[in-house]
Amino acid sequence: MALFALLGFGESVFKHFWILIGTALFLTLPIVVGGTLHMVFVTKQWLNVLAVPIQECWFGANKTWRGFFVMPLVTIPGVWLIQLIEPFVQNGLLVSFQEYSTVILGLALGLGYVLLELPNSFIKRRLGVAPGENPEQCRYCFILFDQLDSGIGCALAYYLLSDIPASILLIQVAIFPIVALIVKRCLYFFKLKNTYL
């Protein structure tokens, strides 16, 4: 009886673990959509009039006003998508997005994404690293932080605008680098990005 009780408890914990992971992955979906659409703007050179560096000396040539304008806007369809999908997968989620404004949450997530990229760019420029590159010293730390910074920005946006538990947001931040690297590889494969990192 004790063995069967332990097996039942283990299955319950295992299922809850995967629901946590699934919920955290669901939280990243708006950013995946927004980031992909943003790279279409960059690759197709749409809105080039806004492709002006915010402050080239501080953040480099790649951080432009186009990113600050486009990324929040193109994240809105990502929020709309999760609100559309949610009823079909709600049994596998620990949160609901139906009560939130699609526009406000999309704008906040996109803004969080671009804002939290700036400190990393600022540090790299102070170290003399060219835009889009990583320093040889502590290279893998910078690669990790390149993927992590935006995830933190999105988690902050969720934290400020929703009642999503902090534990789920921490998991979302933890898995964000893996999701970001997979998406960047796909964008590189489809020629929407020049590098796969």
Protein backbone atom coordinates (compact mmCIF):
# COMPACT_ATOMS: atom_id res chain seq x y z
CA MET A 1 0.00 0.00 0.00
CA ALA A 2 2.84 2.35 0.88
CA LEU A 3 4.50 1.62 -2.47
CA PHE A 4 1.29 2.36 -4.40
CA ALA A 5 0.77 5.55 -2.37
CA LEU A 6 4.33 6.70 -3.20
CA LEU A 7 3.84 5.89 -6.88
CA GLY A 8 0.60 7.88 -6.91
CA PHE A 9 2.24 10.83 -5.16
CA GLY A 10 5.18 10.68 -7.57
CA GLU A 11 2.87 10.74 -10.59
CA SER A 12 1.05 13.76 -9.17
CA VAL A 13 4.30 15.66 -8.58
CA PHE A 14 5.56 14.68 -12.05
CA LYS A 15 2.33 15.94 -13.67
CA HIS A 16 2.46 19.22 -11.71
CA PHE A 17 6.09 19.70 -12.79
CA TRP A 18 5.13 19.45 -16.47
CA ILE A 19 2.18 21.80 -15.98
CA LEU A 20 4.61 24.33 -14.45
CA ILE A 21 6.96 23.97 -17.43
CA GLY A 22 4.06 24.18 -19.88
CA THR A 23 2.74 27.33 -18.23
CA ALA A 24 6.19 28.93 -18.28
CA LEU A 25 6.58 28.05 -21.97
CA PHE A 26 3.14 29.51 -22.66
CA LEU A 27 4.33 32.78 -21.08
CA THR A 28 7.18 32.99 -23.60
CA LEU A 29 4.93 32.58 -26.65
CA PRO A 30 4.05 36.30 -27.06
CA ILE A 31 7.77 37.15 -27.07
CA VAL A 32 8.55 34.41 -29.59
CA VAL A 33 5.88 35.85 -31.90
CA GLY A 34 7.01 39.43 -31.27
CA GLY A 35 10.71 38.64 -31.71
CA THR A 36 10.05 36.76 -34.96
CA LEU A 37 7.91 39.55 -36.41
CA HIS A 38 10.51 42.11 -35.33
CA MET A 39 13.22 40.20 -37.23
CA VAL A 40 10.98 40.29 -40.33
CA PHE A 41 10.96 44.10 -40.01
CA VAL A 42 14.75 44.12 -39.67
CA THR A 43 15.42 41.67 -42.53
CA LYS A 44 12.96 43.32 -44.94
CA GLN A 45 14.26 46.74 -43.86
CA TRP A 46 10.78 48.00 -43.09
CA LEU A 47 10.53 51.33 -41.24
CA ASN A 48 14.18 52.05 -41.99
CA VAL A 49 13.54 55.67 -41.09
CA LEU A 50 13.48 54.46 -37.46
CA ALA A 51 16.59 52.28 -37.80
CA VAL A 52 18.61 54.94 -36.01
CA PRO A 53 20.71 54.00 -32.95
CA ILE A 54 19.23 55.12 -29.65
CA GLN A 55 22.66 56.13 -28.40
CA GLU A 56 25.44 54.49 -30.42
CA CYS A 57 28.23 55.29 -27.97
CA TRP A 58 26.36 53.72 -25.04
CA PHE A 59 24.45 50.83 -26.64
CA GLY A 60 25.93 50.32 -30.11
CA ALA A 61 24.43 50.48 -33.59
CA ASN A 62 22.05 47.52 -33.18
CA LYS A 63 19.83 49.06 -30.51
CA THR A 64 17.61 51.31 -32.62
CA TRP A 65 14.43 53.32 -32.25
CA ARG A 66 12.80 50.86 -34.68
CA GLY A 67 13.24 48.09 -32.09
CA PHE A 68 11.71 50.25 -29.37
CA PHE A 69 8.78 51.14 -31.60
CA VAL A 70 8.19 47.81 -33.37
CA MET A 71 8.84 45.21 -30.66
CA PRO A 72 6.05 46.35 -28.30
CA LEU A 73 3.58 46.57 -31.21
CA VAL A 74 4.40 43.17 -32.72
CA THR A 75 4.16 41.48 -29.31
CA ILE A 76 0.45 42.34 -29.19
CA PRO A 77 -0.42 39.59 -31.73
CA GLY A 78 1.50 37.15 -29.51
CA VAL A 79 -0.69 38.01 -26.52
CA TRP A 80 -3.78 37.75 -28.71
CA LEU A 81 -2.59 34.28 -29.82
CA ILE A 82 -2.21 32.94 -26.27
CA GLN A 83 -5.63 34.34 -25.37
CA LEU A 84 -7.03 32.56 -28.42
CA ILE A 85 -5.30 29.23 -27.65
CA GLU A 86 -5.86 29.27 -23.88
CA PRO A 87 -9.42 27.79 -23.83
CA PHE A 88 -8.11 24.70 -25.65
CA VAL A 89 -5.22 24.09 -23.24
CA GLN A 90 -6.52 25.59 -19.99
CA ASN A 91 -6.39 22.22 -18.17
CA GLY A 92 -2.62 22.25 -18.67
CA LEU A 93 -2.10 25.82 -17.44
CA LEU A 94 -1.84 27.37 -13.99
CA VAL A 95 -2.72 30.89 -15.15
CA SER A 96 -5.35 32.61 -17.29
CA PHE A 97 -4.85 35.55 -19.65
CA GLN A 98 -8.49 36.21 -20.53
CA GLU A 99 -8.91 39.07 -18.04
CA TYR A 100 -5.91 41.07 -19.25
CA SER A 101 -5.90 43.73 -21.95
CA THR A 102 -4.28 42.30 -25.08
CA VAL A 103 -2.85 45.68 -26.07
CA ILE A 104 -1.50 46.72 -22.66
CA LEU A 105 0.08 43.34 -21.91
CA GLY A 106 1.58 43.13 -25.41
CA LEU A 107 3.05 46.62 -25.20
CA ALA A 108 4.44 45.95 -21.70
CA LEU A 109 6.05 42.64 -22.68
CA GLY A 110 7.63 44.14 -25.80
CA LEU A 111 8.89 47.15 -23.87
CA GLY A 112 10.26 44.93 -21.09
CA TYR A 113 12.05 42.88 -23.74
CA VAL A 114 13.85 45.84 -25.32
CA LEU A 115 14.53 47.78 -22.12
CA LEU A 116 16.32 44.93 -20.35
CA GLU A 117 18.61 44.41 -23.36
CA LEU A 118 20.15 47.86 -22.83
CA PRO A 119 22.26 47.19 -19.67
CA ASN A 120 23.96 44.22 -21.37
CA SER A 121 24.71 46.32 -24.46
CA PHE A 122 25.99 49.14 -22.28
CA ILE A 123 28.43 46.80 -20.45
CA LYS A 124 29.67 45.35 -23.75
CA ARG A 125 30.32 48.78 -25.22
CA ARG A 126 32.29 49.74 -22.09
CA LEU A 127 34.38 46.59 -22.63
CA GLY A 128 35.03 47.58 -26.24
CA VAL A 129 33.00 44.70 -27.72
CA ALA A 130 31.54 45.35 -31.17
CA PRO A 131 27.72 45.27 -31.56
CA GLY A 132 26.47 41.74 -32.15
CA GLU A 133 29.67 40.21 -30.78
CA ASN A 134 30.69 38.68 -27.45
CA PRO A 135 33.99 39.18 -25.62
CA GLU A 136 36.46 36.30 -25.58
CA GLN A 137 36.82 36.59 -21.82
CA CYS A 138 33.68 35.25 -20.07
CA ARG A 139 32.19 34.57 -23.53
CA TYR A 140 29.65 32.00 -22.34
CA CYS A 141 28.51 34.24 -19.48
CA PHE A 142 27.70 36.97 -22.00
CA ILE A 143 25.98 34.50 -24.35
CA LEU A 144 23.83 33.33 -21.43
CA PHE A 145 23.04 36.89 -20.37
CA ASP A 146 22.20 37.80 -23.99
CA GLN A 147 19.39 35.26 -23.81
CA LEU A 148 18.46 35.93 -20.18
CA ASP A 149 18.13 39.73 -20.12
CA SER A 150 14.97 39.88 -22.22
CA GLY A 151 13.43 37.01 -20.28
CA ILE A 152 13.89 39.01 -17.09
CA GLY A 153 12.28 42.04 -18.76
CA CYS A 154 9.24 39.99 -19.76
CA ALA A 155 8.95 38.43 -16.30
CA LEU A 156 8.99 41.94 -14.78
CA ALA A 157 6.20 43.01 -17.13
CA TYR A 158 4.13 39.97 -16.15
CA TYR A 159 4.88 40.59 -12.47
CA LEU A 160 3.74 44.23 -12.64
CA LEU A 161 0.60 43.65 -14.73
CA SER A 162 -0.67 40.24 -13.65
CA ASP A 163 -1.12 38.00 -10.65
CA ILE A 164 1.06 35.21 -12.06
CA PRO A 165 2.91 33.54 -9.15
CA ALA A 166 6.59 34.45 -8.79
CA SER A 167 7.52 30.73 -8.89
CA ILE A 168 6.16 30.41 -12.43
CA LEU A 169 7.92 33.62 -13.50
CA LEU A 170 11.22 32.27 -12.13
CA ILE A 171 10.77 29.10 -14.18
CA GLN A 172 9.93 31.25 -17.21
CA VAL A 173 13.18 33.19 -16.75
CA ALA A 174 15.14 29.94 -16.28
CA ILE A 175 13.88 28.35 -19.50
CA PHE A 176 13.92 31.58 -21.54
CA PRO A 177 17.55 31.17 -22.69
CA ILE A 178 16.79 27.72 -24.12
CA VAL A 179 13.69 29.02 -25.92
CA ALA A 180 15.62 32.07 -27.19
CA LEU A 181 18.46 29.96 -28.59
CA ILE A 182 16.03 27.61 -30.36
CA VAL A 183 14.12 30.55 -31.87
CA LYS A 184 17.36 32.24 -32.96
CA ARG A 185 18.50 29.02 -34.66
CA CYS A 186 15.17 28.87 -36.51
CA LEU A 187 15.42 32.53 -37.54
CA TYR A 188 18.97 31.89 -38.79
CA PHE A 189 17.78 28.83 -40.73
CA PHE A 190 15.02 30.87 -42.40
CA LYS A 191 17.50 33.68 -43.13
CA LEU A 192 15.77 36.16 -40.83
CA LYS A 193 18.89 36.53 -38.70
CA ASN A 194 22.59 36.76 -39.61
CA THR A 195 23.84 34.80 -36.59
CA TYR A 196 22.42 31.89 -34.62
CA LEU A 197 23.33 33.37 -31.19
